[in-house]
Structure formats: C-alpha cells, structure tokens
Amino acid sequence: MSQEKSNKWFFDHLSPFEAHMHGIESLVFSKKTAFQTLEILDLKTYGRCLVLDGKMQSSEVDECIYHEALVHPAMLSHPKPKNVFIVGGGEGATLREVLRHKSVQHVLMVDIDQEVVEACKTHLPKWHQGAFEDPRLRLCCLDARQYLEETDEVFDVIIIDISEPIEEGPAYLLYTTEFYQIVMERLSKDGLIALQAGTTTLSYLKNFTAVCRTLKEVFPIVSPYQASIPSFGLPWGFALASKTYDPEGWDTKEIDLRIKERVQGELLTYDGKTHMGQFLLSKQLRSELVKEVRIIEDNHPLYVR
C-alpha cells in the first residue's frame, strides 16, 4: 500500500553540509520580526513546531525532552531555588518547568523579541500551559544582557534558553566570556546556570565544545551533558555551570527523591536514570572537550552557519 507523501518541506540545516527534511502539514504563522524570522508550522511527523531563522527550536512531540533536560538538573542541584532568571524561552515551556518547583517564589523572564512571545502565547498553548499567567512571573521584553548589566538583583538559578549564535541574530553576544562573567556576578553565592549548547554530533562539535571551554574561563564547575531530541535530527548538548554544586555527584535514588519532594506533577522524560545517562558522555566526546582551546569573546564571537 502506498503512503501519502508531503509536497511541502521544511529543510532544517543542521550544518553547512547536512539537513533534516520535515514534511509540512500547514503554515500556522509567519512573520519577520525586528530581530529574526519567525515561523510556526504543523509538521506531519512532529506536530506543531517553532522555527526561528530557519532552525527548529522545539516541536509538539518532543519539546518535553528539551525543556526538562534544560531546567531540572540545575533547579534540583540548588538546595532551594527561590529567585530564577530565564533568558529567552519565548515558548513559555522553560517557564512552565521552572514554575513546577515548589520553592520558586519569583521568576523574571527576559526575551528580546516580544513578537515571538506573543505568537507563542497564541499558537503554542501546549508549551506554556498557562504559565504566563502565574503571579510569580515578571515578563520583560528587552535585551537580557543589558538588563543583567544594569540590575543589582541576585538569582539562585539562571536558565539561558536562546537560539544558536547566528551572525546578525539576537543571541550571539549571549555566548561569550564577557556575558558569562556578567551572569556569574548576578548569581547568589551557591547559584547555577544552565543553557543549551548546540549539537554533540562528532561531525559538527564547534559550538558545543567552544561553549563548554568558554564557561570554564568563568565558573569553577562546568558539567556538559546531552539528550536525544528526535525533531532536532542530531543529539543535543547542554551545560550546567555552578559556583558550588556538581550535578554529577548524585545517585539515582537522590535525584528521584528530590523530584518527588520538590517538583509538582509528573515529569514525562527526566528522572534519576535519565539524569545519570545524560551526563555519561562517550570517551570520544570527552576527549574533544578536553582538546578544545577556543574561547568565545565579544570581539571574537562564534557563529553557527
């Protein structure tokens, strides 16, 4: 029996020499904002998805993998996070996961692109699940780096949920040593940050290894990890950087206990066993991290082509 084939395709370019084809069901929303190209698509395989500057950001089918991996290792590493800062995160799903932690009293979310936030509020309700209406949230649509430079506020956890550093895009100055130094100064004495760091595929490690190397210039503890996110087409890297706490020092039972005591509702993908697996990087990947010498700086930024 023949199967229906899509006649419209979205090409997600993973590198200059590799792409992932997605069959398009329909175009839900499209706009050129002041900062980037925004598209919301319904795909035949992954459901609704957010695309910024031609790159997949998250999909309905597996956004929970990305957002649970990004948020919970850092939040659970801190003994009692009360004040949280989210850089980016326009979909509202990072916010959703942060607000599940019972200890959280205040969340400041700063995303430079108000048009992305408003489109996600309207078209991606499964992502935010009403999180934008939570009274613990303060949402600002402005430059997160400038905000952190000018404020004297202190945060227990800072989650950086931004797109990859594309030339002329809004994010490339949020991957530099200078930015991480600003972040370090705005953390409490036992604060942590978590961020997405690009693919961990061995054929295109430039972003992941350079980000981790740059973090080590600023933070005493840097813990890289990864998760498999099917809609991205490649394994995806994250990094947790801390003044005090090492997320690799836990065991499975301790993680599951912290989730039970501190997180509201049931997580779909992240638990003790998942955590342990995410931090177990291959020998080859660990070797590439050790060999990396590139440090990302304001006057020497890194761009993903």
C-alpha atoms as a PDB file:
ATOM      1  CA  MET A   1       0.000   0.000   0.000  1.00  0.00           C
ATOM      2  CA  SER A   2       1.424   3.379  -0.960  1.00  0.00           C
ATOM      3  CA  GLN A   3       1.723   6.027   1.737  1.00  0.00           C
ATOM      4  CA  GLU A   4       0.826   9.687   1.396  1.00  0.00           C
ATOM      5  CA  LYS A   5       3.856  11.915   0.823  1.00  0.00           C
ATOM      6  CA  SER A   6       4.203  15.559   1.685  1.00  0.00           C
ATOM      7  CA  ASN A   7       4.534  18.018  -1.180  1.00  0.00           C
ATOM      8  CA  LYS A   8       5.806  20.807   1.082  1.00  0.00           C
ATOM      9  CA  TRP A   9       9.055  20.513   3.012  1.00  0.00           C
ATOM     10  CA  PHE A  10      10.920  22.405   5.700  1.00  0.00           C
ATOM     11  CA  PHE A  11      14.702  21.925   5.490  1.00  0.00           C
ATOM     12  CA  ASP A  12      16.324  22.334   8.893  1.00  0.00           C
ATOM     13  CA  HIS A  13      20.004  22.903   8.076  1.00  0.00           C
ATOM     14  CA  LEU A  14      22.000  21.197  10.826  1.00  0.00           C
ATOM     15  CA  SER A  15      25.347  22.243   9.368  1.00  0.00           C
ATOM     16  CA  PRO A  16      26.508  23.666   6.024  1.00  0.00           C
ATOM     17  CA  PHE A  17      26.566  20.102   4.690  1.00  0.00           C
ATOM     18  CA  GLU A  18      23.636  18.363   6.408  1.00  0.00           C
ATOM     19  CA  ALA A  19      19.901  18.977   6.707  1.00  0.00           C
ATOM     20  CA  HIS A  20      16.817  17.307   8.152  1.00  0.00           C
ATOM     21  CA  MET A  21      13.692  17.300   5.944  1.00  0.00           C
ATOM     22  CA  HIS A  22      10.307  17.722   7.595  1.00  0.00           C
ATOM     23  CA  GLY A  23       7.040  17.255   5.727  1.00  0.00           C
ATOM     24  CA  ILE A  24       4.789  20.286   6.304  1.00  0.00           C
ATOM     25  CA  GLU A  25       1.091  19.881   7.036  1.00  0.00           C
ATOM     26  CA  SER A  26       0.399  23.618   7.152  1.00  0.00           C
ATOM     27  CA  LEU A  27       1.889  27.025   7.873  1.00  0.00           C
ATOM     28  CA  VAL A  28       0.266  28.379  11.035  1.00  0.00           C
ATOM     29  CA  PHE A  29       2.041  31.709  11.403  1.00  0.00           C
ATOM     30  CA  SER A  30       4.917  33.559   9.770  1.00  0.00           C
ATOM     31  CA  LYS A  31       6.458  36.953  10.406  1.00  0.00           C
ATOM     32  CA  LYS A  32       9.706  38.830  10.079  1.00  0.00           C
ATOM     33  CA  THR A  33      10.176  40.453  13.477  1.00  0.00           C
ATOM     34  CA  ALA A  34      12.625  43.207  14.327  1.00  0.00           C
ATOM     35  CA  PHE A  35      15.148  40.532  15.338  1.00  0.00           C
ATOM     36  CA  GLN A  36      14.525  37.309  13.421  1.00  0.00           C
ATOM     37  CA  THR A  37      12.308  35.308  11.097  1.00  0.00           C
ATOM     38  CA  LEU A  38       9.514  33.563  12.997  1.00  0.00           C
ATOM     39  CA  GLU A  39       7.534  30.597  11.693  1.00  0.00           C
ATOM     40  CA  ILE A  40       5.097  28.255  13.390  1.00  0.00           C
ATOM     41  CA  LEU A  41       4.443  25.120  11.362  1.00  0.00           C
ATOM     42  CA  ASP A  42       2.368  21.994  11.683  1.00  0.00           C
ATOM     43  CA  LEU A  43       4.571  19.089  10.609  1.00  0.00           C
ATOM     44  CA  LYS A  44       3.319  15.688   9.554  1.00  0.00           C
ATOM     45  CA  THR A  45       5.687  13.861  11.928  1.00  0.00           C
ATOM     46  CA  TYR A  46       6.337  16.155  14.895  1.00  0.00           C
ATOM     47  CA  GLY A  47       3.142  18.191  15.113  1.00  0.00           C
ATOM     48  CA  ARG A  48       3.301  21.915  15.751  1.00  0.00           C
ATOM     49  CA  CYS A  49       6.769  23.442  15.922  1.00  0.00           C
ATOM     50  CA  LEU A  50       8.547  26.746  16.378  1.00  0.00           C
ATOM     51  CA  VAL A  51      11.185  27.766  13.808  1.00  0.00           C
ATOM     52  CA  LEU A  52      13.418  30.827  14.222  1.00  0.00           C
ATOM     53  CA  ASP A  53      15.723  31.973  11.438  1.00  0.00           C
ATOM     54  CA  GLY A  54      15.098  28.699   9.634  1.00  0.00           C
ATOM     55  CA  LYS A  55      16.148  26.497  12.578  1.00  0.00           C
ATOM     56  CA  MET A  56      13.945  24.159  14.593  1.00  0.00           C
ATOM     57  CA  GLN A  57      13.508  25.357  18.179  1.00  0.00           C
ATOM     58  CA  SER A  58      11.022  22.858  19.556  1.00  0.00           C
ATOM     59  CA  SER A  59       8.236  20.545  18.438  1.00  0.00           C
ATOM     60  CA  GLU A  60       4.986  19.405  19.987  1.00  0.00           C
ATOM     61  CA  VAL A  61       6.063  15.762  20.088  1.00  0.00           C
ATOM     62  CA  ASP A  62       9.379  16.115  21.930  1.00  0.00           C
ATOM     63  CA  GLU A  63       9.681  19.614  23.420  1.00  0.00           C
ATOM     64  CA  CYS A  64       9.333  17.994  26.856  1.00  0.00           C
ATOM     65  CA  ILE A  65      12.703  16.254  26.380  1.00  0.00           C
ATOM     66  CA  TYR A  66      14.474  19.525  25.654  1.00  0.00           C
ATOM     67  CA  HIS A  67      12.816  21.626  28.342  1.00  0.00           C
ATOM     68  CA  GLU A  68      13.023  19.041  31.124  1.00  0.00           C
ATOM     69  CA  ALA A  69      16.703  18.456  30.311  1.00  0.00           C
ATOM     70  CA  LEU A  70      17.425  22.181  30.282  1.00  0.00           C
ATOM     71  CA  VAL A  71      15.641  23.083  33.522  1.00  0.00           C
ATOM     72  CA  HIS A  72      15.624  20.297  36.082  1.00  0.00           C
ATOM     73  CA  PRO A  73      19.298  19.363  36.535  1.00  0.00           C
ATOM     74  CA  ALA A  74      20.113  22.954  37.544  1.00  0.00           C
ATOM     75  CA  MET A  75      16.970  23.518  39.597  1.00  0.00           C
ATOM     76  CA  LEU A  76      17.423  20.285  41.525  1.00  0.00           C
ATOM     77  CA  SER A  77      21.146  20.906  42.051  1.00  0.00           C
ATOM     78  CA  HIS A  78      20.357  24.029  44.064  1.00  0.00           C
ATOM     79  CA  PRO A  79      19.108  23.225  47.586  1.00  0.00           C
ATOM     80  CA  LYS A  80      16.173  25.659  47.439  1.00  0.00           C
ATOM     81  CA  PRO A  81      15.907  27.922  44.390  1.00  0.00           C
ATOM     82  CA  LYS A  82      13.633  30.874  45.088  1.00  0.00           C
ATOM     83  CA  ASN A  83      14.589  33.510  42.518  1.00  0.00           C
ATOM     84  CA  VAL A  84      15.053  32.375  38.925  1.00  0.00           C
ATOM     85  CA  PHE A  85      16.016  34.316  35.798  1.00  0.00           C
ATOM     86  CA  ILE A  86      15.117  32.969  32.350  1.00  0.00           C
ATOM     87  CA  VAL A  87      16.973  34.386  29.365  1.00  0.00           C
ATOM     88  CA  GLY A  88      14.856  33.866  26.249  1.00  0.00           C
ATOM     89  CA  GLY A  89      12.421  30.972  26.412  1.00  0.00           C
ATOM     90  CA  GLY A  90       9.722  32.623  24.329  1.00  0.00           C
ATOM     91  CA  GLU A  91       7.598  29.465  24.033  1.00  0.00           C
ATOM     92  CA  GLY A  92       6.916  29.544  27.774  1.00  0.00           C
ATOM     93  CA  ALA A  93       7.871  25.891  28.221  1.00  0.00           C
ATOM     94  CA  THR A  94      11.075  26.644  30.145  1.00  0.00           C
ATOM     95  CA  LEU A  95       8.957  28.884  32.359  1.00  0.00           C
ATOM     96  CA  ARG A  96       6.423  26.069  32.763  1.00  0.00           C
ATOM     97  CA  GLU A  97       9.093  23.693  34.053  1.00  0.00           C
ATOM     98  CA  VAL A  98      10.683  26.249  36.393  1.00  0.00           C
ATOM     99  CA  LEU A  99       7.313  27.030  37.972  1.00  0.00           C
ATOM    100  CA  ARG A 100       6.797  23.357  38.816  1.00  0.00           C
ATOM    101  CA  HIS A 101       9.390  23.711  41.577  1.00  0.00           C
ATOM    102  CA  LYS A 102       7.624  24.351  44.878  1.00  0.00           C
ATOM    103  CA  SER A 103      10.404  26.543  46.289  1.00  0.00           C
ATOM    104  CA  VAL A 104      10.209  29.127  43.478  1.00  0.00           C
ATOM    105  CA  GLN A 105       8.888  32.496  44.621  1.00  0.00           C
ATOM    106  CA  HIS A 106       9.865  34.804  41.758  1.00  0.00           C
ATOM    107  CA  VAL A 107      10.705  34.254  38.093  1.00  0.00           C
ATOM    108  CA  LEU A 108      11.994  37.008  35.842  1.00  0.00           C
ATOM    109  CA  MET A 109      11.808  36.091  32.153  1.00  0.00           C
ATOM    110  CA  VAL A 110      13.555  38.408  29.704  1.00  0.00           C
ATOM    111  CA  ASP A 111      13.135  37.771  25.981  1.00  0.00           C
ATOM    112  CA  ILE A 112      14.237  40.386  23.487  1.00  0.00           C
ATOM    113  CA  ASP A 113      11.531  39.579  20.938  1.00  0.00           C
ATOM    114  CA  GLN A 114       8.032  40.447  22.142  1.00  0.00           C
ATOM    115  CA  GLU A 115       6.512  39.339  18.841  1.00  0.00           C
ATOM    116  CA  VAL A 116       7.841  35.804  19.355  1.00  0.00           C
ATOM    117  CA  VAL A 117       6.450  35.715  22.892  1.00  0.00           C
ATOM    118  CA  GLU A 118       3.021  36.929  21.781  1.00  0.00           C
ATOM    119  CA  ALA A 119       2.882  34.469  18.877  1.00  0.00           C
ATOM    120  CA  CYS A 120       3.806  31.606  21.214  1.00  0.00           C
ATOM    121  CA  LYS A 121       1.169  32.666  23.734  1.00  0.00           C
ATOM    122  CA  THR A 122      -1.436  32.433  20.980  1.00  0.00           C
ATOM    123  CA  HIS A 123      -0.288  29.460  18.919  1.00  0.00           C
ATOM    124  CA  LEU A 124       1.657  27.247  21.361  1.00  0.00           C
ATOM    125  CA  PRO A 125      -0.681  26.759  24.341  1.00  0.00           C
ATOM    126  CA  LYS A 126       0.542  23.188  24.864  1.00  0.00           C
ATOM    127  CA  TRP A 127       4.007  24.586  25.556  1.00  0.00           C
ATOM    128  CA  HIS A 128       3.260  27.242  28.154  1.00  0.00           C
ATOM    129  CA  GLN A 129       0.085  25.650  29.632  1.00  0.00           C
ATOM    130  CA  GLY A 130      -0.927  28.964  31.179  1.00  0.00           C
ATOM    131  CA  ALA A 131       2.483  29.657  32.755  1.00  0.00           C
ATOM    132  CA  PHE A 132       2.434  33.252  31.508  1.00  0.00           C
ATOM    133  CA  GLU A 133      -0.492  33.905  33.869  1.00  0.00           C
ATOM    134  CA  ASP A 134       1.332  32.718  37.001  1.00  0.00           C
ATOM    135  CA  PRO A 135       1.600  35.562  39.561  1.00  0.00           C
ATOM    136  CA  ARG A 136       5.207  34.603  40.347  1.00  0.00           C
ATOM    137  CA  LEU A 137       6.265  35.706  36.845  1.00  0.00           C
ATOM    138  CA  ARG A 138       7.602  39.076  35.756  1.00  0.00           C
ATOM    139  CA  LEU A 139       8.000  39.189  31.965  1.00  0.00           C
ATOM    140  CA  CYS A 140      10.141  41.809  30.249  1.00  0.00           C
ATOM    141  CA  CYS A 141      10.763  42.072  26.521  1.00  0.00           C
ATOM    142  CA  LEU A 142      14.165  43.669  26.231  1.00  0.00           C
ATOM    143  CA  ASP A 143      17.874  42.852  25.953  1.00  0.00           C
ATOM    144  CA  ALA A 144      18.735  40.309  28.673  1.00  0.00           C
ATOM    145  CA  ARG A 145      22.425  41.151  28.674  1.00  0.00           C
ATOM    146  CA  GLN A 146      21.764  44.839  29.168  1.00  0.00           C
ATOM    147  CA  TYR A 147      19.285  44.034  31.924  1.00  0.00           C
ATOM    148  CA  LEU A 148      21.816  41.907  33.803  1.00  0.00           C
ATOM    149  CA  GLU A 149      24.493  44.579  33.378  1.00  0.00           C
ATOM    150  CA  GLU A 150      22.280  47.251  34.914  1.00  0.00           C
ATOM    151  CA  THR A 151      20.408  45.396  37.671  1.00  0.00           C
ATOM    152  CA  ASP A 152      21.618  44.633  41.189  1.00  0.00           C
ATOM    153  CA  GLU A 153      19.205  41.703  41.563  1.00  0.00           C
ATOM    154  CA  VAL A 154      20.600  38.313  42.574  1.00  0.00           C
ATOM    155  CA  PHE A 155      19.304  34.963  41.316  1.00  0.00           C
ATOM    156  CA  ASP A 156      19.678  31.388  42.528  1.00  0.00           C
ATOM    157  CA  VAL A 157      19.375  29.847  39.063  1.00  0.00           C
ATOM    158  CA  ILE A 158      19.708  31.415  35.623  1.00  0.00           C
ATOM    159  CA  ILE A 159      18.351  29.382  32.694  1.00  0.00           C
ATOM    160  CA  ILE A 160      19.578  30.511  29.266  1.00  0.00           C
ATOM    161  CA  ASP A 161      17.142  29.284  26.615  1.00  0.00           C
ATOM    162  CA  ILE A 162      18.172  31.054  23.443  1.00  0.00           C
ATOM    163  CA  SER A 163      18.677  30.180  19.802  1.00  0.00           C
ATOM    164  CA  GLU A 164      22.064  29.332  18.369  1.00  0.00           C
ATOM    165  CA  PRO A 165      24.540  32.178  17.685  1.00  0.00           C
ATOM    166  CA  ILE A 166      23.721  33.188  14.123  1.00  0.00           C
ATOM    167  CA  GLU A 167      25.535  36.187  12.646  1.00  0.00           C
ATOM    168  CA  GLU A 168      23.337  39.303  12.898  1.00  0.00           C
ATOM    169  CA  GLY A 169      20.915  37.267  15.067  1.00  0.00           C
ATOM    170  CA  PRO A 170      19.837  38.305  18.587  1.00  0.00           C
ATOM    171  CA  ALA A 171      21.815  35.679  20.545  1.00  0.00           C
ATOM    172  CA  TYR A 172      25.494  35.647  19.566  1.00  0.00           C
ATOM    173  CA  LEU A 173      26.632  38.010  22.355  1.00  0.00           C
ATOM    174  CA  LEU A 174      24.998  35.721  24.938  1.00  0.00           C
ATOM    175  CA  TYR A 175      27.633  33.021  24.432  1.00  0.00           C
ATOM    176  CA  THR A 176      30.781  34.975  25.283  1.00  0.00           C
ATOM    177  CA  THR A 177      33.160  35.093  28.233  1.00  0.00           C
ATOM    178  CA  GLU A 178      32.068  38.642  28.949  1.00  0.00           C
ATOM    179  CA  PHE A 179      28.409  37.617  29.139  1.00  0.00           C
ATOM    180  CA  TYR A 180      29.122  34.647  31.403  1.00  0.00           C
ATOM    181  CA  GLN A 181      31.067  36.959  33.728  1.00  0.00           C
ATOM    182  CA  ILE A 182      28.005  39.203  33.960  1.00  0.00           C
ATOM    183  CA  VAL A 183      25.860  36.152  34.715  1.00  0.00           C
ATOM    184  CA  MET A 184      28.319  34.986  37.373  1.00  0.00           C
ATOM    185  CA  GLU A 185      28.046  38.336  39.173  1.00  0.00           C
ATOM    186  CA  ARG A 186      24.250  38.120  39.259  1.00  0.00           C
ATOM    187  CA  LEU A 187      24.165  34.677  40.879  1.00  0.00           C
ATOM    188  CA  SER A 188      23.783  34.039  44.589  1.00  0.00           C
ATOM    189  CA  LYS A 189      26.764  32.510  46.418  1.00  0.00           C
ATOM    190  CA  ASP A 190      25.643  28.984  45.506  1.00  0.00           C
ATOM    191  CA  GLY A 191      23.999  29.827  42.200  1.00  0.00           C
ATOM    192  CA  LEU A 192      23.951  27.858  38.939  1.00  0.00           C
ATOM    193  CA  ILE A 193      23.253  28.411  35.272  1.00  0.00           C
ATOM    194  CA  ALA A 194      22.017  26.014  32.604  1.00  0.00           C
ATOM    195  CA  LEU A 195      21.992  26.506  28.856  1.00  0.00           C
ATOM    196  CA  GLN A 196      21.620  24.704  25.565  1.00  0.00           C
ATOM    197  CA  ALA A 197      24.997  24.407  23.864  1.00  0.00           C
ATOM    198  CA  GLY A 198      24.398  23.046  20.374  1.00  0.00           C
ATOM    199  CA  THR A 199      24.677  19.618  18.862  1.00  0.00           C
ATOM    200  CA  THR A 200      27.023  16.949  20.216  1.00  0.00           C
ATOM    201  CA  THR A 201      27.365  15.122  16.924  1.00  0.00           C
ATOM    202  CA  LEU A 202      31.043  14.388  16.335  1.00  0.00           C
ATOM    203  CA  SER A 203      30.907  15.827  12.817  1.00  0.00           C
ATOM    204  CA  TYR A 204      29.903  19.302  13.997  1.00  0.00           C
ATOM    205  CA  LEU A 205      31.057  19.962  17.566  1.00  0.00           C
ATOM    206  CA  LYS A 206      32.258  23.535  17.089  1.00  0.00           C
ATOM    207  CA  ASN A 207      29.546  25.185  19.158  1.00  0.00           C
ATOM    208  CA  PHE A 208      29.296  22.637  21.996  1.00  0.00           C
ATOM    209  CA  THR A 209      32.986  22.312  22.805  1.00  0.00           C
ATOM    210  CA  ALA A 210      33.664  26.054  22.478  1.00  0.00           C
ATOM    211  CA  VAL A 211      30.757  26.959  24.770  1.00  0.00           C
ATOM    212  CA  CYS A 212      31.925  24.500  27.427  1.00  0.00           C
ATOM    213  CA  ARG A 213      35.508  25.757  27.150  1.00  0.00           C
ATOM    214  CA  THR A 214      34.314  29.344  27.489  1.00  0.00           C
ATOM    215  CA  LEU A 215      32.257  28.549  30.575  1.00  0.00           C
ATOM    216  CA  LYS A 216      35.367  27.093  32.224  1.00  0.00           C
ATOM    217  CA  GLU A 217      37.007  30.509  31.983  1.00  0.00           C
ATOM    218  CA  VAL A 218      34.393  31.824  34.421  1.00  0.00           C
ATOM    219  CA  PHE A 219      32.919  29.003  36.521  1.00  0.00           C
ATOM    220  CA  PRO A 220      34.755  26.538  38.797  1.00  0.00           C
ATOM    221  CA  ILE A 221      32.341  23.706  37.944  1.00  0.00           C
ATOM    222  CA  VAL A 222      31.177  23.036  34.370  1.00  0.00           C
ATOM    223  CA  SER A 223      29.183  19.890  33.637  1.00  0.00           C
ATOM    224  CA  PRO A 224      28.325  19.183  29.979  1.00  0.00           C
ATOM    225  CA  TYR A 225      25.516  16.753  29.167  1.00  0.00           C
ATOM    226  CA  GLN A 226      23.315  15.743  26.257  1.00  0.00           C
ATOM    227  CA  ALA A 227      19.873  14.487  25.315  1.00  0.00           C
ATOM    228  CA  SER A 228      18.390  12.842  22.242  1.00  0.00           C
ATOM    229  CA  ILE A 229      15.748  15.123  20.720  1.00  0.00           C
ATOM    230  CA  PRO A 230      14.396  13.463  17.545  1.00  0.00           C
ATOM    231  CA  SER A 231      12.987  16.582  15.887  1.00  0.00           C
ATOM    232  CA  PHE A 232      16.435  18.223  16.033  1.00  0.00           C
ATOM    233  CA  GLY A 233      17.872  15.417  13.905  1.00  0.00           C
ATOM    234  CA  LEU A 234      21.076  15.277  15.988  1.00  0.00           C
ATOM    235  CA  PRO A 235      21.941  14.629  19.663  1.00  0.00           C
ATOM    236  CA  TRP A 236      21.816  17.879  21.568  1.00  0.00           C
ATOM    237  CA  GLY A 237      24.186  19.321  24.147  1.00  0.00           C
ATOM    238  CA  PHE A 238      23.600  21.292  27.319  1.00  0.00           C
ATOM    239  CA  ALA A 239      25.852  22.644  30.028  1.00  0.00           C
ATOM    240  CA  LEU A 240      25.384  23.329  33.709  1.00  0.00           C
ATOM    241  CA  ALA A 241      27.841  25.749  35.332  1.00  0.00           C
ATOM    242  CA  SER A 242      27.998  26.282  39.059  1.00  0.00           C
ATOM    243  CA  LYS A 243      29.790  28.099  41.837  1.00  0.00           C
ATOM    244  CA  THR A 244      29.324  25.229  44.266  1.00  0.00           C
ATOM    245  CA  TYR A 245      27.293  22.203  43.200  1.00  0.00           C
ATOM    246  CA  ASP A 246      28.246  19.345  40.885  1.00  0.00           C
ATOM    247  CA  PRO A 247      25.218  17.557  39.352  1.00  0.00           C
ATOM    248  CA  GLU A 248      27.376  14.552  38.502  1.00  0.00           C
ATOM    249  CA  GLY A 249      27.845  13.731  42.181  1.00  0.00           C
ATOM    250  CA  TRP A 250      24.345  12.366  42.708  1.00  0.00           C
ATOM    251  CA  ASP A 251      22.977   8.853  42.563  1.00  0.00           C
ATOM    252  CA  THR A 252      19.687   7.778  41.010  1.00  0.00           C
ATOM    253  CA  LYS A 253      17.815   7.497  44.312  1.00  0.00           C
ATOM    254  CA  GLU A 254      18.787  11.006  45.411  1.00  0.00           C
ATOM    255  CA  ILE A 255      17.572  12.525  42.152  1.00  0.00           C
ATOM    256  CA  ASP A 256      14.253  10.684  42.282  1.00  0.00           C
ATOM    257  CA  LEU A 257      13.786  11.753  45.912  1.00  0.00           C
ATOM    258  CA  ARG A 258      14.396  15.398  45.079  1.00  0.00           C
ATOM    259  CA  ILE A 259      11.921  15.219  42.193  1.00  0.00           C
ATOM    260  CA  LYS A 260       9.285  13.660  44.470  1.00  0.00           C
ATOM    261  CA  GLU A 261       9.740  16.221  47.223  1.00  0.00           C
ATOM    262  CA  ARG A 262      10.263  19.369  45.169  1.00  0.00           C
ATOM    263  CA  VAL A 263       8.517  19.117  41.777  1.00  0.00           C
ATOM    264  CA  GLN A 264       4.777  19.394  41.233  1.00  0.00           C
ATOM    265  CA  GLY A 265       3.229  16.876  38.863  1.00  0.00           C
ATOM    266  CA  GLU A 266       4.879  14.058  36.965  1.00  0.00           C
ATOM    267  CA  LEU A 267       7.834  14.665  34.686  1.00  0.00           C
ATOM    268  CA  LEU A 268       7.492  12.976  31.315  1.00  0.00           C
ATOM    269  CA  THR A 269      11.136  12.231  30.482  1.00  0.00           C
ATOM    270  CA  TYR A 270      13.514  13.215  33.282  1.00  0.00           C
ATOM    271  CA  ASP A 271      14.209  11.029  36.313  1.00  0.00           C
ATOM    272  CA  GLY A 272      17.208   9.624  38.143  1.00  0.00           C
ATOM    273  CA  LYS A 273      18.172   7.112  35.481  1.00  0.00           C
ATOM    274  CA  THR A 274      17.740   9.663  32.699  1.00  0.00           C
ATOM    275  CA  HIS A 275      19.919  12.141  34.589  1.00  0.00           C
ATOM    276  CA  MET A 276      22.722   9.636  35.014  1.00  0.00           C
ATOM    277  CA  GLY A 277      22.612   8.764  31.324  1.00  0.00           C
ATOM    278  CA  GLN A 278      22.636  12.380  30.149  1.00  0.00           C
ATOM    279  CA  PHE A 279      25.917  13.101  31.934  1.00  0.00           C
ATOM    280  CA  LEU A 280      27.635   9.918  30.685  1.00  0.00           C
ATOM    281  CA  LEU A 281      29.411  11.262  27.621  1.00  0.00           C
ATOM    282  CA  SER A 282      31.342   8.995  25.290  1.00  0.00           C
ATOM    283  CA  LYS A 283      35.125   8.750  25.535  1.00  0.00           C
ATOM    284  CA  GLN A 284      35.479  10.445  22.148  1.00  0.00           C
ATOM    285  CA  LEU A 285      33.247  13.352  23.101  1.00  0.00           C
ATOM    286  CA  ARG A 286      35.073  13.822  26.397  1.00  0.00           C
ATOM    287  CA  SER A 287      38.339  13.846  24.505  1.00  0.00           C
ATOM    288  CA  GLU A 288      37.100  16.581  22.157  1.00  0.00           C
ATOM    289  CA  LEU A 289      36.026  18.683  25.129  1.00  0.00           C
ATOM    290  CA  VAL A 290      39.488  18.383  26.669  1.00  0.00           C
ATOM    291  CA  LYS A 291      41.214  19.323  23.395  1.00  0.00           C
ATOM    292  CA  GLU A 292      39.094  22.438  22.745  1.00  0.00           C
ATOM    293  CA  VAL A 293      41.046  25.710  23.076  1.00  0.00           C
ATOM    294  CA  ARG A 294      38.567  28.158  21.506  1.00  0.00           C
ATOM    295  CA  ILE A 295      37.255  30.784  23.938  1.00  0.00           C
ATOM    296  CA  ILE A 296      34.291  32.822  22.688  1.00  0.00           C
ATOM    297  CA  GLU A 297      34.658  36.559  23.263  1.00  0.00           C
ATOM    298  CA  ASP A 298      32.707  39.692  22.336  1.00  0.00           C
ATOM    299  CA  ASN A 299      35.337  40.653  19.780  1.00  0.00           C
ATOM    300  CA  HIS A 300      35.759  37.049  18.632  1.00  0.00           C
ATOM    301  CA  PRO A 301      32.215  35.619  18.584  1.00  0.00           C
ATOM    302  CA  LEU A 302      31.158  32.197  17.410  1.00  0.00           C
ATOM    303  CA  TYR A 303      28.570  31.847  14.643  1.00  0.00           C
ATOM    304  CA  VAL A 304      26.722  28.700  13.656  1.00  0.00           C
ATOM    305  CA  ARG A 305      26.375  28.681   9.879  1.00  0.00           C
END
